């Protein structure tokens, strides 16, 4: 019975310490700064035109049945 009370007290104590720490014991995080720059697109090289898509090659035609010589 004593172990159960100690375990329950330990759980409550851990929750209280965690709640205290979450309320602001640590300083707030630094404000994140923007890292991108505005780049002019006029100096960018022109993109290559897309390649034309060729028609697919026809599939070989195979008979559905067995050849006459195999029967």
C-alpha atoms as a PDB file:
ATOM      1  CA  UNK A   1       0.000   0.000   0.000  1.00  0.00           C
ATOM      2  CA  UNK A   2       2.861   2.363   0.794  1.00  0.00           C
ATOM      3  CA  UNK A   3       4.475   1.785  -2.617  1.00  0.00           C
ATOM      4  CA  UNK A   4       1.264   2.750  -4.401  1.00  0.00           C
ATOM      5  CA  UNK A   5       1.065   6.027  -2.476  1.00  0.00           C
ATOM      6  CA  UNK A   6       4.700   6.834  -3.224  1.00  0.00           C
ATOM      7  CA  UNK A   7       4.203   6.002  -6.930  1.00  0.00           C
ATOM      8  CA  UNK A   8       1.060   8.175  -7.138  1.00  0.00           C
ATOM      9  CA  UNK A   9       2.847  11.030  -5.359  1.00  0.00           C
ATOM     10  CA  UNK A  10       5.780  10.709  -7.791  1.00  0.00           C
ATOM     11  CA  UNK A  11       3.441  10.895 -10.789  1.00  0.00           C
ATOM     12  CA  UNK A  12       1.704  13.988  -9.388  1.00  0.00           C
ATOM     13  CA  UNK A  13       5.058  15.605  -8.615  1.00  0.00           C
ATOM     14  CA  UNK A  14       6.381  14.933 -12.134  1.00  0.00           C
ATOM     15  CA  UNK A  15       3.208  16.437 -13.638  1.00  0.00           C
ATOM     16  CA  UNK A  16       3.511  19.511 -11.433  1.00  0.00           C
ATOM     17  CA  UNK A  17       7.166  20.044 -12.365  1.00  0.00           C
ATOM     18  CA  UNK A  18       6.359  19.565 -16.060  1.00  0.00           C
ATOM     19  CA  UNK A  19       3.499  22.046 -15.841  1.00  0.00           C
ATOM     20  CA  UNK A  20       5.721  24.579 -14.085  1.00  0.00           C
ATOM     21  CA  UNK A  21       8.385  24.222 -16.750  1.00  0.00           C
ATOM     22  CA  UNK A  22       5.830  24.578 -19.543  1.00  0.00           C
ATOM     23  CA  UNK A  23       4.581  27.860 -18.053  1.00  0.00           C
ATOM     24  CA  UNK A  24       7.782  29.652 -18.886  1.00  0.00           C
ATOM     25  CA  UNK A  25      10.797  28.706 -16.854  1.00  0.00           C
ATOM     26  CA  UNK A  26      12.831  28.798 -20.062  1.00  0.00           C
ATOM     27  CA  UNK A  27      13.156  31.968 -22.182  1.00  0.00           C
ATOM     28  CA  UNK A  28      11.068  32.190 -25.360  1.00  0.00           C
ATOM     29  CA  UNK A  29      12.566  31.011 -28.600  1.00  0.00           C
ATOM     30  CA  UNK A  30      14.274  33.550 -30.827  1.00  0.00           C
ATOM     31  CA  UNK A  31      12.213  35.011 -33.647  1.00  0.00           C
ATOM     32  CA  UNK A  32      13.034  33.245 -36.867  1.00  0.00           C
ATOM     33  CA  UNK A  33      14.387  35.550 -39.557  1.00  0.00           C
ATOM     34  CA  UNK A  34      13.656  35.279 -43.264  1.00  0.00           C
ATOM     35  CA  UNK A  35      16.606  33.778 -45.118  1.00  0.00           C
ATOM     36  CA  UNK A  36      15.469  34.228 -48.712  1.00  0.00           C
ATOM     37  CA  UNK A  37      16.369  37.189 -50.880  1.00  0.00           C
ATOM     38  CA  UNK A  38      14.423  38.788 -53.668  1.00  0.00           C
ATOM     39  CA  UNK A  39      16.160  37.759 -56.876  1.00  0.00           C
ATOM     40  CA  UNK A  40      15.357  39.415 -60.140  1.00  0.00           C
ATOM     41  CA  UNK A  41      14.178  36.960 -62.753  1.00  0.00           C
ATOM     42  CA  UNK A  42      15.492  39.086 -65.627  1.00  0.00           C
ATOM     43  CA  UNK A  43      19.013  37.730 -65.138  1.00  0.00           C
ATOM     44  CA  UNK A  44      17.886  34.113 -65.004  1.00  0.00           C
ATOM     45  CA  UNK A  45      18.740  32.010 -68.067  1.00  0.00           C
ATOM     46  CA  UNK A  46      15.873  31.128 -70.377  1.00  0.00           C
ATOM     47  CA  UNK A  47      14.435  27.675 -69.901  1.00  0.00           C
ATOM     48  CA  UNK A  48      14.852  25.184 -72.727  1.00  0.00           C
ATOM     49  CA  UNK A  49      11.661  24.460 -74.694  1.00  0.00           C
ATOM     50  CA  UNK A  50      10.037  21.147 -73.798  1.00  0.00           C
ATOM     51  CA  UNK A  51      10.910  18.198 -76.005  1.00  0.00           C
ATOM     52  CA  UNK A  52       8.217  16.862 -78.292  1.00  0.00           C
ATOM     53  CA  UNK A  53       6.723  13.591 -77.113  1.00  0.00           C
ATOM     54  CA  UNK A  54       7.081  10.876 -79.721  1.00  0.00           C
ATOM     55  CA  UNK A  55       4.272   8.441 -80.471  1.00  0.00           C
ATOM     56  CA  UNK A  56       4.739   5.088 -78.710  1.00  0.00           C
ATOM     57  CA  UNK A  57       6.042   2.200 -80.757  1.00  0.00           C
ATOM     58  CA  UNK A  58       3.358  -0.300 -81.806  1.00  0.00           C
ATOM     59  CA  UNK A  59       3.229  -3.502 -79.798  1.00  0.00           C
ATOM     60  CA  UNK A  60       3.988  -6.774 -81.606  1.00  0.00           C
ATOM     61  CA  UNK A  61       0.895  -8.732 -82.582  1.00  0.00           C
ATOM     62  CA  UNK A  62       0.888 -12.314 -81.303  1.00  0.00           C
ATOM     63  CA  UNK A  63      -1.701 -15.008 -81.962  1.00  0.00           C
ATOM     64  CA  UNK A  64      -4.007 -15.818 -79.058  1.00  0.00           C
ATOM     65  CA  UNK A  65      -4.179 -19.558 -79.739  1.00  0.00           C
ATOM     66  CA  UNK A  66      -1.555 -22.227 -80.124  1.00  0.00           C
ATOM     67  CA  UNK A  67       0.096 -22.565 -83.534  1.00  0.00           C
ATOM     68  CA  UNK A  68      -1.387 -25.233 -85.820  1.00  0.00           C
ATOM     69  CA  UNK A  69       1.833 -27.277 -85.792  1.00  0.00           C
ATOM     70  CA  UNK A  70       1.796 -27.595 -81.985  1.00  0.00           C
ATOM     71  CA  UNK A  71      -1.668 -29.181 -81.823  1.00  0.00           C
END
